[in-house]
Amino acid sequence: MNKIRRMPARTLAIAAAATLVAAGLFAVAGGSRAAEEKKPTAKPSLTVTSAVPRRVDLPVTLAANGNIAAWQEASVGAETGGQRLTEVRVNVGDRVRKGQVLATFAGDTLRAEAAQARAALAEAEAAAAEAAANAERARGLATTGALSAAQINQYLTAEKTAQARVQAARASFDAQQVRVGQTQVLSPDDGIISARTATVGAVVGSGTELFRLIRQGRLEWRAEVTSTELGRVRPGTRAEVTAASGARLEGKVRMIGPTVDPQTRAALVYVDLVKALPGPAEGSARAGMFARGEFELGASPALTVPQQAVVLREGFSYVMRLNPDGRVSQVKVQTGRLVNGQVEITSGLPADARVVASGGSFLNDGDLVRVVEASAQAAARPASAPER
């Protein structure tokens, strides 16, 4: 009886232990499944487009600073002295033509003196005609002996003296005519009036400057180029100049200064400003303005990426390189020229690397991104959400 009763108890204990083990295993399996269900899935930080560095030919330029000046200036002054200005016909900034009347002096006195000189010339011509007639008669009587040799010689000398007086009177008359013409101040060349000191009513002396003229209206840029860079510039080199007013002008190197300043170690390069380039401040360049410009020295191959792909952080340039696992790596690069939205990468980036084309400033090293085509990203953007 006792043996029969102990067998069910042992069996029950074994069954209970098996049940507990099964329950534990089920609980562990359920917990693992729940943990897996609760484990978060990694999501991309940003949707970006990719770009591959391109090899293109970028222009090689040399930057310089300098001043805009007149190509040549002409000083227009009074050629006659002691006369009163009666009229001034031009002002500063006026464009004039060669031979145009700029100012007028009172010429009454000079015209009267010219008339007096004309009368003196007529008197001298009449006396010369009489002396010539007397000399002709003396020559005819030379063989007859009616006149002595001394008298004949006297008539011949009087003829020559009268002719000399005619020439002197004519020269005096011509001089008076010139002085009358000098009562009108004429422009020596086409150009623009840059300065004026002439005042109506003023009595000025001979040689006094009345106007200053920019010949032919031509301007030039006098660029300062260091002696180390001077050999890269040649006559005929094209340059693009931007004045302080914002005006953009096209120029061409006319000549290179023959000397170098021993203080600054720079030489002047004279650039003829040919024409104004299209822009909001077209035609506003003036003599005396400061200007900066670039000389075009040719082109060279370069590895470029879009300007938006370059991120500036703590004074350094970086690009976000795309890895095969969809994450980005922050790569430090050295940049060079910037032309038409393309930045030259001089070092730090392989030519076959893929980089984030834009939006890299919002990413950190190791972030997961989703890469789409540029056209797909533009189509997915709502019309009410403009691109920033």
Protein backbone atom coordinates (compact mmCIF):
# COMPACT_ATOMS: atom_id res chain seq x y z
CA MET A 1 0.00 0.00 0.00
CA ASN A 2 2.72 2.41 0.91
CA LYS A 3 4.64 1.60 -2.27
CA ILE A 4 1.55 2.14 -4.39
CA ARG A 5 0.92 5.56 -2.77
CA ARG A 6 4.52 6.86 -3.23
CA MET A 7 4.61 6.28 -7.02
CA PRO A 8 1.98 8.90 -7.98
CA ALA A 9 3.73 11.53 -5.81
CA ARG A 10 7.04 11.08 -7.62
CA THR A 11 5.32 11.16 -10.95
CA LEU A 12 3.52 14.31 -10.00
CA ALA A 13 6.80 15.97 -8.99
CA ILE A 14 8.42 15.09 -12.29
CA ALA A 15 5.42 16.38 -14.20
CA ALA A 16 5.44 19.62 -12.20
CA ALA A 17 9.14 20.16 -12.89
CA ALA A 18 8.62 19.58 -16.60
CA THR A 19 5.79 22.04 -16.60
CA LEU A 20 7.91 24.70 -14.93
CA VAL A 21 10.75 24.17 -17.42
CA ALA A 22 8.35 24.44 -20.34
CA ALA A 23 6.83 27.58 -18.89
CA GLY A 24 10.30 29.10 -18.44
CA LEU A 25 11.29 28.34 -21.98
CA PHE A 26 8.03 29.80 -23.25
CA ALA A 27 8.57 32.90 -21.18
CA VAL A 28 12.12 33.36 -22.50
CA ALA A 29 10.98 32.84 -26.06
CA GLY A 30 8.09 35.24 -25.60
CA GLY A 31 10.38 37.84 -24.02
CA SER A 32 12.87 37.60 -26.87
CA ARG A 33 10.07 37.94 -29.39
CA ALA A 34 8.70 40.96 -27.56
CA ALA A 35 12.16 42.53 -27.35
CA GLU A 36 12.62 42.04 -31.04
CA GLU A 37 9.22 43.57 -31.71
CA LYS A 38 10.06 46.60 -29.52
CA LYS A 39 13.57 47.14 -31.03
CA PRO A 40 13.46 50.46 -33.06
CA THR A 41 14.24 50.43 -36.79
CA ALA A 42 16.94 52.92 -38.01
CA LYS A 43 15.46 55.70 -40.20
CA PRO A 44 17.29 58.00 -42.64
CA SER A 45 18.12 61.43 -41.24
CA LEU A 46 17.61 63.24 -44.54
CA THR A 47 16.69 62.68 -48.15
CA VAL A 48 19.52 63.91 -50.35
CA THR A 49 20.74 63.89 -53.91
CA SER A 50 24.19 62.71 -54.87
CA ALA A 51 26.87 64.12 -57.12
CA VAL A 52 30.09 62.79 -58.57
CA PRO A 53 33.14 65.05 -58.94
CA ARG A 54 33.67 66.21 -62.51
CA ARG A 55 36.85 67.08 -64.35
CA VAL A 56 36.45 70.32 -66.25
CA ASP A 57 38.70 73.09 -67.55
CA LEU A 58 38.51 76.15 -65.29
CA PRO A 59 39.95 79.55 -66.19
CA VAL A 60 43.21 80.61 -64.56
CA THR A 61 43.03 84.20 -63.34
CA LEU A 62 45.25 86.69 -61.57
CA ALA A 63 43.55 89.15 -59.21
CA ALA A 64 44.83 92.69 -58.80
CA ASN A 65 43.75 96.07 -57.46
CA GLY A 66 44.27 99.54 -58.83
CA ASN A 67 42.71 102.87 -59.80
CA ILE A 68 40.79 103.97 -62.85
CA ALA A 69 42.35 106.99 -64.56
CA ALA A 70 42.04 108.97 -67.75
CA TRP A 71 44.00 107.56 -70.68
CA GLN A 72 45.30 111.05 -71.50
CA GLU A 73 44.28 114.51 -70.35
CA ALA A 74 44.54 117.73 -72.37
CA SER A 75 44.89 121.16 -70.76
CA VAL A 76 43.00 123.85 -72.67
CA GLY A 77 44.22 127.37 -71.82
CA ALA A 78 44.08 130.97 -72.97
CA GLU A 79 46.48 131.70 -75.83
CA THR A 80 46.02 135.46 -75.61
CA GLY A 81 46.36 137.53 -72.46
CA GLY A 82 44.61 140.54 -71.03
CA GLN A 83 41.24 139.80 -72.64
CA ARG A 84 37.89 139.39 -70.92
CA LEU A 85 35.88 136.18 -71.11
CA THR A 86 32.46 136.94 -72.56
CA GLU A 87 31.01 133.44 -72.96
CA VAL A 88 31.60 129.90 -71.61
CA ARG A 89 29.74 127.30 -73.66
CA VAL A 90 30.56 124.00 -71.91
CA ASN A 91 30.57 122.62 -68.40
CA VAL A 92 32.11 119.70 -66.55
CA GLY A 93 30.92 116.38 -67.91
CA ASP A 94 30.02 117.67 -71.38
CA ARG A 95 31.20 115.61 -74.33
CA VAL A 96 32.84 117.80 -76.98
CA ARG A 97 34.17 117.38 -80.50
CA LYS A 98 37.50 118.43 -81.95
CA GLY A 99 37.38 122.11 -83.00
CA GLN A 100 34.26 122.89 -80.99
CA VAL A 101 34.14 126.38 -79.43
CA LEU A 102 34.44 126.08 -75.64
CA ALA A 103 34.68 129.78 -74.65
CA THR A 104 34.91 133.23 -76.23
CA PHE A 105 36.98 136.32 -75.34
CA ALA A 106 36.10 139.91 -76.14
CA GLY A 107 37.82 140.66 -79.46
CA ASP A 108 36.94 144.28 -80.24
CA THR A 109 40.42 145.58 -79.46
CA LEU A 110 42.11 142.80 -81.36
CA ARG A 111 39.91 143.32 -84.41
CA ALA A 112 40.73 147.03 -84.40
CA GLU A 113 44.43 146.24 -84.24
CA ALA A 114 43.98 143.80 -87.10
CA ALA A 115 42.32 146.51 -89.17
CA GLN A 116 45.21 148.86 -88.41
CA ALA A 117 47.68 146.19 -89.50
CA ARG A 118 45.72 145.69 -92.70
CA ALA A 119 45.97 149.41 -93.49
CA ALA A 120 49.70 149.38 -92.79
CA LEU A 121 50.07 146.48 -95.18
CA ALA A 122 48.20 148.35 -97.90
CA GLU A 123 50.42 151.41 -97.38
CA ALA A 124 53.55 149.28 -97.60
CA GLU A 125 52.32 147.62 -100.78
CA ALA A 126 51.67 151.05 -102.40
CA ALA A 127 55.14 152.29 -101.47
CA ALA A 128 56.63 149.07 -102.82
CA ALA A 129 54.82 149.53 -106.13
CA GLU A 130 56.20 153.07 -106.48
CA ALA A 131 59.73 151.93 -105.60
CA ALA A 132 59.47 149.11 -108.14
CA ALA A 133 58.45 151.58 -110.89
CA ASN A 134 61.34 153.90 -110.09
CA ALA A 135 63.80 151.00 -110.10
CA GLU A 136 62.49 149.87 -113.49
CA ARG A 137 63.02 153.34 -115.03
CA ALA A 138 66.51 153.51 -113.51
CA ARG A 139 67.43 150.25 -115.17
CA GLY A 140 66.25 151.60 -118.50
CA LEU A 141 68.42 154.72 -118.21
CA ALA A 142 71.51 152.87 -117.05
CA THR A 143 72.94 152.64 -120.64
CA THR A 144 72.16 156.23 -121.61
CA GLY A 145 74.25 157.85 -118.90
CA ALA A 146 71.36 160.10 -117.79
CA LEU A 147 71.69 158.75 -114.24
CA SER A 148 74.82 158.09 -112.34
CA ALA A 149 75.59 154.63 -110.99
CA ALA A 150 74.96 155.89 -107.45
CA GLN A 151 71.48 157.12 -108.33
CA ILE A 152 70.62 153.86 -110.08
CA ASN A 153 71.84 151.87 -107.10
CA GLN A 154 69.74 154.06 -104.81
CA TYR A 155 66.56 153.29 -106.75
CA LEU A 156 67.29 149.59 -106.75
CA THR A 157 67.93 149.60 -103.00
CA ALA A 158 64.70 151.51 -102.36
CA GLU A 159 62.81 148.80 -104.28
CA LYS A 160 64.20 146.03 -102.09
CA THR A 161 63.55 148.05 -98.94
CA ALA A 162 59.94 148.59 -99.94
CA GLN A 163 59.49 144.86 -100.58
CA ALA A 164 60.90 144.07 -97.12
CA ARG A 165 58.48 146.53 -95.54
CA VAL A 166 55.62 144.81 -97.33
CA GLN A 167 56.66 141.45 -95.90
CA ALA A 168 56.93 142.92 -92.40
CA ALA A 169 53.51 144.55 -92.68
CA ARG A 170 51.99 141.30 -93.96
CA ALA A 171 53.53 139.34 -91.06
CA SER A 172 52.15 141.90 -88.60
CA PHE A 173 48.72 141.61 -90.18
CA ASP A 174 48.84 137.79 -90.04
CA ALA A 175 49.81 137.93 -86.36
CA GLN A 176 46.84 140.18 -85.63
CA GLN A 177 44.58 137.75 -87.49
CA VAL A 178 45.88 134.90 -85.34
CA ARG A 179 45.18 136.88 -82.17
CA VAL A 180 41.66 137.56 -83.37
CA GLY A 181 41.20 133.80 -83.92
CA GLN A 182 42.47 133.12 -80.41
CA THR A 183 39.47 134.92 -78.95
CA GLN A 184 37.67 131.59 -79.47
CA VAL A 185 38.94 128.71 -77.30
CA LEU A 186 38.66 125.49 -79.35
CA SER A 187 38.72 121.88 -78.24
CA PRO A 188 41.99 120.18 -79.31
CA ASP A 189 40.39 116.72 -79.51
CA ASP A 190 37.21 114.75 -78.94
CA GLY A 191 36.61 114.03 -75.27
CA ILE A 192 34.86 114.86 -72.01
CA ILE A 193 35.35 118.02 -69.97
CA SER A 194 36.74 116.89 -66.60
CA ALA A 195 37.49 120.31 -65.05
CA ARG A 196 36.59 123.95 -65.68
CA THR A 197 38.07 127.13 -64.23
CA ALA A 198 36.76 129.56 -66.87
CA THR A 199 34.40 132.22 -65.50
CA VAL A 200 32.47 134.76 -67.53
CA GLY A 201 33.87 138.26 -67.03
CA ALA A 202 37.30 137.15 -65.86
CA VAL A 203 40.39 138.70 -67.42
CA VAL A 204 43.01 135.98 -67.63
CA GLY A 205 46.63 135.93 -68.66
CA SER A 206 48.18 134.05 -71.52
CA GLY A 207 48.63 130.35 -70.72
CA THR A 208 46.02 130.23 -67.94
CA GLU A 209 44.25 126.84 -67.88
CA LEU A 210 40.52 127.16 -68.55
CA PHE A 211 39.45 123.54 -69.10
CA ARG A 212 40.79 120.02 -68.65
CA LEU A 213 39.74 117.40 -71.17
CA ILE A 214 39.77 113.58 -71.05
CA ARG A 215 40.93 112.82 -74.57
CA GLN A 216 38.47 110.70 -76.56
CA GLY A 217 36.70 109.87 -73.29
CA ARG A 218 39.02 106.87 -72.83
CA LEU A 219 39.67 105.41 -69.40
CA GLU A 220 42.31 102.96 -68.26
CA TRP A 221 42.83 100.74 -65.23
CA ARG A 222 46.23 101.01 -63.61
CA ALA A 223 46.56 97.67 -61.86
CA GLU A 224 49.25 96.97 -59.29
CA VAL A 225 50.86 93.58 -59.92
CA THR A 226 53.63 92.17 -57.75
CA SER A 227 57.00 91.53 -59.32
CA THR A 228 56.63 87.76 -58.78
CA GLU A 229 53.41 87.67 -60.83
CA LEU A 230 54.43 90.24 -63.42
CA GLY A 231 55.81 87.66 -65.83
CA ARG A 232 52.39 86.02 -66.20
CA VAL A 233 50.83 89.13 -67.77
CA ARG A 234 51.40 90.04 -71.43
CA PRO A 235 50.24 92.95 -73.63
CA GLY A 236 46.89 91.99 -75.09
CA THR A 237 45.82 89.91 -72.06
CA ARG A 238 42.11 90.26 -71.43
CA ALA A 239 40.94 91.56 -68.05
CA GLU A 240 37.59 92.00 -66.32
CA VAL A 241 37.41 95.01 -64.02
CA THR A 242 34.83 95.82 -61.34
CA ALA A 243 34.74 99.42 -60.17
CA ALA A 244 33.85 100.52 -56.66
CA SER A 245 30.43 101.57 -57.98
CA GLY A 246 29.74 98.01 -59.13
CA ALA A 247 30.25 98.70 -62.83
CA ARG A 248 31.84 95.83 -64.72
CA LEU A 249 34.13 96.60 -67.64
CA GLU A 250 36.13 94.61 -70.14
CA GLY A 251 39.73 95.63 -70.69
CA LYS A 252 42.89 94.69 -72.53
CA VAL A 253 46.46 95.15 -71.35
CA ARG A 254 48.10 97.95 -73.34
CA MET A 255 51.50 98.02 -71.69
CA ILE A 256 53.39 96.99 -68.56
CA GLY A 257 55.20 99.62 -66.52
CA PRO A 258 58.96 99.61 -67.10
CA THR A 259 59.81 100.01 -63.39
CA VAL A 260 58.88 98.37 -60.09
CA ASP A 261 58.17 100.42 -56.98
CA PRO A 262 60.98 99.61 -54.51
CA GLN A 263 58.63 100.16 -51.57
CA THR A 264 55.69 97.97 -52.60
CA ARG A 265 57.58 95.69 -55.04
CA ALA A 266 54.71 96.16 -57.49
CA ALA A 267 54.55 97.44 -61.06
CA LEU A 268 51.73 99.21 -62.85
CA VAL A 269 49.94 97.38 -65.64
CA TYR A 270 48.01 99.73 -67.93
CA VAL A 271 44.71 98.24 -69.09
CA ASP A 272 42.58 99.97 -71.72
CA LEU A 273 38.93 99.76 -70.71
CA VAL A 274 37.26 98.74 -73.96
CA LYS A 275 33.58 98.50 -73.08
CA ALA A 276 31.12 98.17 -70.22
CA LEU A 277 29.74 94.71 -69.49
CA PRO A 278 26.00 94.22 -68.82
CA GLY A 279 25.08 94.95 -65.23
CA PRO A 280 22.99 97.16 -62.93
CA ALA A 281 25.71 99.82 -62.74
CA GLU A 282 26.64 99.89 -66.41
CA GLY A 283 28.58 102.99 -67.45
CA SER A 284 29.09 104.37 -63.93
CA ALA A 285 32.89 104.00 -63.83
CA ARG A 286 34.71 107.29 -63.32
CA ALA A 287 38.31 108.41 -63.36
CA GLY A 288 39.80 108.24 -59.88
CA MET A 289 37.70 105.26 -58.73
CA PHE A 290 39.26 102.27 -57.03
CA ALA A 291 38.71 99.03 -58.92
CA ARG A 292 39.56 95.37 -58.61
CA GLY A 293 39.93 93.01 -61.50
CA GLU A 294 41.18 89.72 -62.81
CA PHE A 295 43.52 88.94 -65.69
CA GLU A 296 42.53 85.89 -67.76
CA LEU A 297 45.63 83.72 -68.13
CA GLY A 298 44.10 80.68 -69.83
CA ALA A 299 42.56 77.48 -68.41
CA SER A 300 43.63 74.30 -66.57
CA PRO A 301 41.87 70.98 -65.70
CA ALA A 302 40.28 70.74 -62.26
CA LEU A 303 38.18 68.34 -60.15
CA THR A 304 34.95 70.12 -59.18
CA VAL A 305 31.84 69.54 -57.11
CA PRO A 306 28.71 71.68 -56.76
CA GLN A 307 29.15 74.66 -54.46
CA GLN A 308 26.30 73.42 -52.23
CA ALA A 309 28.21 70.20 -51.58
CA VAL A 310 30.95 72.02 -49.67
CA VAL A 311 30.27 72.59 -45.97
CA LEU A 312 32.23 75.14 -43.94
CA ARG A 313 32.81 74.20 -40.32
CA GLU A 314 35.24 75.82 -37.90
CA GLY A 315 37.09 77.49 -40.75
CA PHE A 316 37.62 74.30 -42.76
CA SER A 317 35.90 72.87 -45.84
CA TYR A 318 34.21 69.47 -45.79
CA VAL A 319 32.11 67.31 -48.09
CA MET A 320 29.76 64.51 -47.04
CA ARG A 321 30.89 61.35 -48.81
CA LEU A 322 28.22 58.69 -49.42
CA ASN A 323 29.17 55.15 -48.34
CA PRO A 324 27.71 51.90 -49.74
CA ASP A 325 25.74 51.30 -46.50
CA GLY A 326 23.81 54.58 -46.96
CA ARG A 327 25.71 56.48 -44.30
CA VAL A 328 27.84 59.57 -44.81
CA SER A 329 31.42 60.30 -43.87
CA GLN A 330 32.65 63.81 -43.26
CA VAL A 331 35.75 64.36 -45.44
CA LYS A 332 38.03 67.37 -45.08
CA VAL A 333 39.04 68.87 -48.43
CA GLN A 334 41.06 71.73 -49.84
CA THR A 335 39.19 74.03 -52.21
CA GLY A 336 40.41 76.24 -55.02
CA ARG A 337 38.63 78.20 -57.72
CA LEU A 338 34.91 78.92 -57.78
CA VAL A 339 33.37 79.28 -61.25
CA ASN A 340 29.66 79.19 -62.16
CA GLY A 341 28.62 77.35 -59.00
CA GLN A 342 31.38 74.73 -59.25
CA VAL A 343 34.13 74.54 -56.60
CA GLU A 344 37.54 73.11 -57.38
CA ILE A 345 38.73 70.36 -55.00
CA THR A 346 42.50 70.40 -54.90
CA SER A 347 43.00 67.57 -52.38
CA GLY A 348 41.21 65.24 -49.97
CA LEU A 349 38.58 63.69 -52.27
CA PRO A 350 38.99 60.76 -54.72
CA ALA A 351 37.73 61.34 -58.24
CA ASP A 352 35.28 58.38 -58.06
CA ALA A 353 33.67 59.33 -54.74
CA ARG A 354 29.97 60.13 -54.40
CA VAL A 355 29.08 63.12 -52.27
CA VAL A 356 25.93 64.74 -50.97
CA ALA A 357 25.03 67.40 -53.52
CA SER A 358 23.18 69.69 -51.10
CA GLY A 359 22.04 69.73 -47.51
CA GLY A 360 25.32 68.49 -46.09
CA SER A 361 25.29 71.20 -43.43
CA PHE A 362 22.40 69.36 -41.73
CA LEU A 363 24.31 66.07 -41.50
CA ASN A 364 26.92 64.69 -39.15
CA ASP A 365 29.53 62.02 -39.62
CA GLY A 366 27.83 58.58 -39.70
CA ASP A 367 24.27 59.77 -40.37
CA LEU A 368 22.03 57.51 -42.43
CA VAL A 369 20.52 59.16 -45.51
CA ARG A 370 18.20 58.24 -48.33
CA VAL A 371 19.52 59.03 -51.78
CA VAL A 372 17.11 59.97 -54.56
CA GLU A 373 17.50 61.46 -58.00
CA ALA A 374 17.38 65.23 -58.23
CA SER A 375 14.27 65.13 -60.48
CA ALA A 376 12.44 62.84 -58.03
CA GLN A 377 13.23 65.09 -55.08
CA ALA A 378 11.96 68.16 -56.96
CA ALA A 379 8.73 66.34 -57.85
CA ALA A 380 8.18 65.19 -54.26
CA ARG A 381 8.56 68.73 -52.84
CA PRO A 382 5.15 70.41 -52.36
CA ALA A 383 4.49 73.46 -54.50
CA SER A 384 3.88 75.55 -51.38
CA ALA A 385 7.27 74.64 -49.89
CA PRO A 386 9.94 76.54 -51.86
CA GLU A 387 13.49 75.26 -51.88
CA ARG A 388 15.71 76.91 -49.33
